[in-house]
C-alpha atoms as a PDB file:
ATOM      1  CA  UNK A   1     -88.717  29.269  66.381  1.00  0.00           C
ATOM      2  CA  UNK A   2     -87.171  26.234  66.801  1.00  0.00           C
ATOM      3  CA  UNK A   3     -87.607  22.946  64.651  1.00  0.00           C
ATOM      4  CA  UNK A   4     -89.561  20.879  67.022  1.00  0.00           C
ATOM      5  CA  UNK A   5     -92.036  23.630  66.655  1.00  0.00           C
ATOM      6  CA  UNK A   6     -93.335  23.306  63.381  1.00  0.00           C
ATOM      7  CA  UNK A   7     -92.464  19.508  63.821  1.00  0.00           C
ATOM      8  CA  UNK A   8     -89.699  19.474  61.590  1.00  0.00           C
ATOM      9  CA  UNK A   9     -86.443  17.355  61.612  1.00  0.00           C
ATOM     10  CA  UNK A  10     -83.602  20.007  63.087  1.00  0.00           C
ATOM     11  CA  UNK A  11     -81.644  20.255  59.720  1.00  0.00           C
ATOM     12  CA  UNK A  12     -84.517  21.438  57.775  1.00  0.00           C
ATOM     13  CA  UNK A  13     -84.754  24.581  60.290  1.00  0.00           C
ATOM     14  CA  UNK A  14     -81.079  25.002  60.069  1.00  0.00           C
ATOM     15  CA  UNK A  15     -80.878  25.165  56.346  1.00  0.00           C
ATOM     16  CA  UNK A  16     -84.344  26.860  55.752  1.00  0.00           C
ATOM     17  CA  UNK A  17     -83.685  30.219  58.689  1.00  0.00           C
ATOM     18  CA  UNK A  18     -80.199  29.732  59.800  1.00  0.00           C
ATOM     19  CA  UNK A  19     -78.198  30.944  56.120  1.00  0.00           C
ATOM     20  CA  UNK A  20     -77.293  33.771  55.215  1.00  0.00           C
ATOM     21  CA  UNK A  21     -79.008  36.674  53.290  1.00  0.00           C
ATOM     22  CA  UNK A  22     -76.234  36.551  50.509  1.00  0.00           C
ATOM     23  CA  UNK A  23     -76.469  33.103  50.384  1.00  0.00           C
ATOM     24  CA  UNK A  24     -78.810  31.005  48.019  1.00  0.00           C
ATOM     25  CA  UNK A  25     -81.238  28.762  49.734  1.00  0.00           C
ATOM     26  CA  UNK A  26     -79.504  25.580  50.496  1.00  0.00           C
ATOM     27  CA  UNK A  27     -81.604  22.050  50.066  1.00  0.00           C
ATOM     28  CA  UNK A  28     -84.300  20.487  52.381  1.00  0.00           C
ATOM     29  CA  UNK A  29     -82.951  17.116  51.609  1.00  0.00           C
ATOM     30  CA  UNK A  30     -82.208  15.276  54.686  1.00  0.00           C
ATOM     31  CA  UNK A  31     -81.251  11.857  52.685  1.00  0.00           C
ATOM     32  CA  UNK A  32     -84.510  10.248  53.366  1.00  0.00           C
ATOM     33  CA  UNK A  33     -85.608   9.948  49.884  1.00  0.00           C
ATOM     34  CA  UNK A  34     -89.261   8.315  49.776  1.00  0.00           C
ATOM     35  CA  UNK A  35     -91.913   9.315  47.310  1.00  0.00           C
ATOM     36  CA  UNK A  36     -95.383   8.885  48.928  1.00  0.00           C
ATOM     37  CA  UNK A  37     -97.294   6.718  46.304  1.00  0.00           C
ATOM     38  CA  UNK A  38    -100.806   8.801  47.769  1.00  0.00           C
ATOM     39  CA  UNK A  39     -99.742  12.831  47.697  1.00  0.00           C
ATOM     40  CA  UNK A  40     -96.427  12.130  45.091  1.00  0.00           C
ATOM     41  CA  UNK A  41     -94.383  13.991  48.440  1.00  0.00           C
ATOM     42  CA  UNK A  42     -90.830  12.389  49.250  1.00  0.00           C
ATOM     43  CA  UNK A  43     -91.365  11.212  52.432  1.00  0.00           C
ATOM     44  CA  UNK A  44     -88.004  13.192  53.767  1.00  0.00           C
ATOM     45  CA  UNK A  45     -88.509  16.543  52.902  1.00  0.00           C
ATOM     46  CA  UNK A  46     -91.741  17.125  51.269  1.00  0.00           C
ATOM     47  CA  UNK A  47     -91.357  17.878  47.461  1.00  0.00           C
ATOM     48  CA  UNK A  48     -92.117  17.033  44.324  1.00  0.00           C
ATOM     49  CA  UNK A  49     -89.524  14.630  42.256  1.00  0.00           C
ATOM     50  CA  UNK A  50     -89.963  18.056  40.082  1.00  0.00           C
ATOM     51  CA  UNK A  51     -89.534  20.291  42.715  1.00  0.00           C
ATOM     52  CA  UNK A  52     -86.294  17.916  43.500  1.00  0.00           C
ATOM     53  CA  UNK A  53     -84.825  17.581  39.838  1.00  0.00           C
ATOM     54  CA  UNK A  54     -85.479  21.488  39.106  1.00  0.00           C
ATOM     55  CA  UNK A  55     -83.653  22.690  42.532  1.00  0.00           C
ATOM     56  CA  UNK A  56     -80.491  24.182  41.579  1.00  0.00           C
ATOM     57  CA  UNK A  57     -82.068  26.187  38.519  1.00  0.00           C
ATOM     58  CA  UNK A  58     -84.334  27.806  40.512  1.00  0.00           C
ATOM     59  CA  UNK A  59     -84.594  31.133  41.926  1.00  0.00           C
ATOM     60  CA  UNK A  60     -84.316  32.218  45.370  1.00  0.00           C
ATOM     61  CA  UNK A  61     -87.901  33.577  45.324  1.00  0.00           C
ATOM     62  CA  UNK A  62     -89.307  29.816  44.252  1.00  0.00           C
ATOM     63  CA  UNK A  63     -86.755  27.671  46.806  1.00  0.00           C
ATOM     64  CA  UNK A  64     -88.181  30.243  49.305  1.00  0.00           C
ATOM     65  CA  UNK A  65     -91.776  29.626  48.371  1.00  0.00           C
ATOM     66  CA  UNK A  66     -91.201  26.063  48.110  1.00  0.00           C
ATOM     67  CA  UNK A  67     -89.619  25.646  51.881  1.00  0.00           C
ATOM     68  CA  UNK A  68     -92.457  27.942  53.046  1.00  0.00           C
ATOM     69  CA  UNK A  69     -94.651  25.358  52.130  1.00  0.00           C
ATOM     70  CA  UNK A  70     -92.734  22.012  53.656  1.00  0.00           C
ATOM     71  CA  UNK A  71     -94.497  22.151  57.274  1.00  0.00           C
ATOM     72  CA  UNK A  72     -97.772  21.886  55.356  1.00  0.00           C
ATOM     73  CA  UNK A  73     -96.811  19.702  52.951  1.00  0.00           C
ATOM     74  CA  UNK A  74     -94.459  17.152  55.528  1.00  0.00           C
ATOM     75  CA  UNK A  75     -97.575  17.265  58.086  1.00  0.00           C
ATOM     76  CA  UNK A  76     -99.813  15.655  55.207  1.00  0.00           C
ATOM     77  CA  UNK A  77     -97.243  12.948  54.525  1.00  0.00           C
ATOM     78  CA  UNK A  78     -97.262  11.849  58.156  1.00  0.00           C
ATOM     79  CA  UNK A  79    -100.853  11.737  58.502  1.00  0.00           C
ATOM     80  CA  UNK A  80    -101.531   9.798  55.591  1.00  0.00           C
ATOM     81  CA  UNK A  81     -99.780   7.204  57.671  1.00  0.00           C
END
């Protein structure tokens, strides 16, 4: 699946799916950092401020769970505008 197929910037697709199995999941940050007042989500990556702050200490399972939710979250953030 290509990043444009799910409506994500290419960088998010590459970081979430293009990693080697023994490496930790990289951040989905695309350096577009602004939090929506309506949803509380970053308009660049779709994470909450708490998730962003905790990212470095999260387990791979927690990071994967969040990464799996990002496409839906980003769609919701874009629908707000």
